[in-house]
Amino acid sequence: MKTYIISEAKPKLGALVKQAAAGETIYLLNGKDMVALVPAHPTHDVPASLEIPAINQRLAASERTSAAPWTPGDAGRLAKQLRRRKPGQ
């Protein structure tokens, strides 16, 4: 477990996200507020044919209702899948 104040974490945020994705819990402090960077594990696979407007719509819906098709953590998995795609896929 590592803990950083925000000013320390900003320049190395990308590396901290990689560490968290690998399973390490990273805590970030901002005054009295604390958050954790942890790996996200969605409850279902993201369809390969899902387009950006549909992604945005589903993510927005998940913020508004508990019956939305997405659960917390899905955005992280989706981002990984989109980064792995080759342009035009």
C-alpha atoms as a PDB file:
ATOM      1  CA  MET A   1       0.000   0.000   0.000  1.00  0.00           C
ATOM      2  CA  LYS A   2       1.373   3.388  -1.026  1.00  0.00           C
ATOM      3  CA  THR A   3      -0.003   6.794  -0.075  1.00  0.00           C
ATOM      4  CA  TYR A   4       0.665  10.053  -1.918  1.00  0.00           C
ATOM      5  CA  ILE A   5      -0.542  13.602  -1.523  1.00  0.00           C
ATOM      6  CA  ILE A   6      -2.039  15.012  -4.705  1.00  0.00           C
ATOM      7  CA  SER A   7       0.938  17.246  -5.519  1.00  0.00           C
ATOM      8  CA  GLU A   8       3.265  14.205  -5.352  1.00  0.00           C
ATOM      9  CA  ALA A   9       0.924  12.014  -7.401  1.00  0.00           C
ATOM     10  CA  LYS A  10       0.192  14.387 -10.309  1.00  0.00           C
ATOM     11  CA  PRO A  11       3.496  14.016 -12.162  1.00  0.00           C
ATOM     12  CA  LYS A  12       3.429  10.224 -11.885  1.00  0.00           C
ATOM     13  CA  LEU A  13      -0.296   9.544 -12.191  1.00  0.00           C
ATOM     14  CA  GLY A  14       0.119   7.306 -15.252  1.00  0.00           C
ATOM     15  CA  ALA A  15       2.611   5.089 -13.414  1.00  0.00           C
ATOM     16  CA  LEU A  16       0.362   4.966 -10.345  1.00  0.00           C
ATOM     17  CA  VAL A  17      -2.601   3.870 -12.463  1.00  0.00           C
ATOM     18  CA  LYS A  18      -0.466   1.078 -13.963  1.00  0.00           C
ATOM     19  CA  GLN A  19       0.521  -0.060 -10.469  1.00  0.00           C
ATOM     20  CA  ALA A  20      -3.123  -0.038  -9.362  1.00  0.00           C
ATOM     21  CA  ALA A  21      -4.178  -1.954 -12.488  1.00  0.00           C
ATOM     22  CA  ALA A  22      -1.543  -4.565 -11.584  1.00  0.00           C
ATOM     23  CA  GLY A  23      -3.263  -5.082  -8.223  1.00  0.00           C
ATOM     24  CA  GLU A  24      -1.608  -2.619  -5.870  1.00  0.00           C
ATOM     25  CA  THR A  25      -3.828  -0.263  -3.877  1.00  0.00           C
ATOM     26  CA  ILE A  26      -2.681   3.348  -4.136  1.00  0.00           C
ATOM     27  CA  TYR A  27      -4.134   5.976  -1.783  1.00  0.00           C
ATOM     28  CA  LEU A  28      -4.311   9.641  -2.778  1.00  0.00           C
ATOM     29  CA  LEU A  29      -4.728  12.385  -0.178  1.00  0.00           C
ATOM     30  CA  ASN A  30      -6.147  15.843  -0.763  1.00  0.00           C
ATOM     31  CA  GLY A  31      -6.255  17.545   2.623  1.00  0.00           C
ATOM     32  CA  LYS A  32      -8.562  15.381   4.739  1.00  0.00           C
ATOM     33  CA  ASP A  33     -10.050  13.609   1.703  1.00  0.00           C
ATOM     34  CA  MET A  34      -8.671  10.207   0.684  1.00  0.00           C
ATOM     35  CA  VAL A  35      -9.431   8.079  -2.377  1.00  0.00           C
ATOM     36  CA  ALA A  36      -8.027   4.766  -3.539  1.00  0.00           C
ATOM     37  CA  LEU A  37      -6.802   3.684  -6.956  1.00  0.00           C
ATOM     38  CA  VAL A  38      -7.741   0.024  -7.300  1.00  0.00           C
ATOM     39  CA  PRO A  39      -8.187  -2.312 -10.277  1.00  0.00           C
ATOM     40  CA  ALA A  40     -11.661  -2.274 -11.799  1.00  0.00           C
ATOM     41  CA  HIS A  41     -13.346  -5.594 -12.609  1.00  0.00           C
ATOM     42  CA  PRO A  42     -16.600  -5.197 -14.558  1.00  0.00           C
ATOM     43  CA  THR A  43     -19.341  -7.759 -14.262  1.00  0.00           C
ATOM     44  CA  HIS A  44     -19.655  -8.336 -18.029  1.00  0.00           C
ATOM     45  CA  ASP A  45     -17.678  -8.044 -21.258  1.00  0.00           C
ATOM     46  CA  VAL A  46     -17.958  -4.979 -23.415  1.00  0.00           C
ATOM     47  CA  PRO A  47     -19.175  -5.832 -26.932  1.00  0.00           C
ATOM     48  CA  ALA A  48     -16.451  -5.293 -29.546  1.00  0.00           C
ATOM     49  CA  SER A  49     -18.909  -3.485 -31.822  1.00  0.00           C
ATOM     50  CA  LEU A  50     -19.763  -0.814 -29.228  1.00  0.00           C
ATOM     51  CA  GLU A  51     -19.199   2.672 -30.649  1.00  0.00           C
ATOM     52  CA  ILE A  52     -18.114   5.796 -28.741  1.00  0.00           C
ATOM     53  CA  PRO A  53     -21.589   7.479 -28.716  1.00  0.00           C
ATOM     54  CA  ALA A  54     -23.101   4.289 -27.275  1.00  0.00           C
ATOM     55  CA  ILE A  55     -20.334   4.115 -24.675  1.00  0.00           C
ATOM     56  CA  ASN A  56     -20.963   7.695 -23.596  1.00  0.00           C
ATOM     57  CA  GLN A  57     -24.710   7.081 -23.426  1.00  0.00           C
ATOM     58  CA  ARG A  58     -24.320   3.937 -21.294  1.00  0.00           C
ATOM     59  CA  LEU A  59     -21.847   5.589 -18.936  1.00  0.00           C
ATOM     60  CA  ALA A  60     -24.131   8.603 -18.504  1.00  0.00           C
ATOM     61  CA  ALA A  61     -27.072   6.301 -17.795  1.00  0.00           C
ATOM     62  CA  SER A  62     -25.072   4.409 -15.170  1.00  0.00           C
ATOM     63  CA  GLU A  63     -24.628   7.633 -13.237  1.00  0.00           C
ATOM     64  CA  ARG A  64     -28.367   8.303 -13.189  1.00  0.00           C
ATOM     65  CA  THR A  65     -29.895   4.985 -12.216  1.00  0.00           C
ATOM     66  CA  SER A  66     -28.989   1.799 -10.397  1.00  0.00           C
ATOM     67  CA  ALA A  67     -30.760  -0.188 -13.159  1.00  0.00           C
ATOM     68  CA  ALA A  68     -28.287   1.024 -15.800  1.00  0.00           C
ATOM     69  CA  PRO A  69     -26.421  -1.620 -17.838  1.00  0.00           C
ATOM     70  CA  TRP A  70     -23.047  -0.655 -16.315  1.00  0.00           C
ATOM     71  CA  THR A  71     -21.638  -1.131 -12.851  1.00  0.00           C
ATOM     72  CA  PRO A  72     -18.794   0.686 -11.072  1.00  0.00           C
ATOM     73  CA  GLY A  73     -15.494  -0.334 -12.630  1.00  0.00           C
ATOM     74  CA  ASP A  74     -16.834  -0.925 -16.129  1.00  0.00           C
ATOM     75  CA  ALA A  75     -15.344   2.339 -17.393  1.00  0.00           C
ATOM     76  CA  GLY A  76     -11.817   1.207 -16.540  1.00  0.00           C
ATOM     77  CA  ARG A  77     -12.228  -2.095 -18.350  1.00  0.00           C
ATOM     78  CA  LEU A  78     -13.788  -0.359 -21.314  1.00  0.00           C
ATOM     79  CA  ALA A  79     -10.892   2.091 -21.513  1.00  0.00           C
ATOM     80  CA  LYS A  80      -8.407  -0.816 -21.560  1.00  0.00           C
ATOM     81  CA  GLN A  81     -10.313  -2.565 -24.345  1.00  0.00           C
ATOM     82  CA  LEU A  82     -10.498   0.592 -26.444  1.00  0.00           C
ATOM     83  CA  ARG A  83      -6.772   1.254 -26.026  1.00  0.00           C
ATOM     84  CA  ARG A  84      -6.001  -2.270 -27.257  1.00  0.00           C
ATOM     85  CA  ARG A  85      -8.070  -1.844 -30.418  1.00  0.00           C
ATOM     86  CA  LYS A  86      -6.323  -0.931 -33.612  1.00  0.00           C
ATOM     87  CA  PRO A  87      -7.666   2.088 -35.511  1.00  0.00           C
ATOM     88  CA  GLY A  88     -10.521   1.098 -37.797  1.00  0.00           C
ATOM     89  CA  GLN A  89     -11.541  -1.944 -35.735  1.00  0.00           C
END
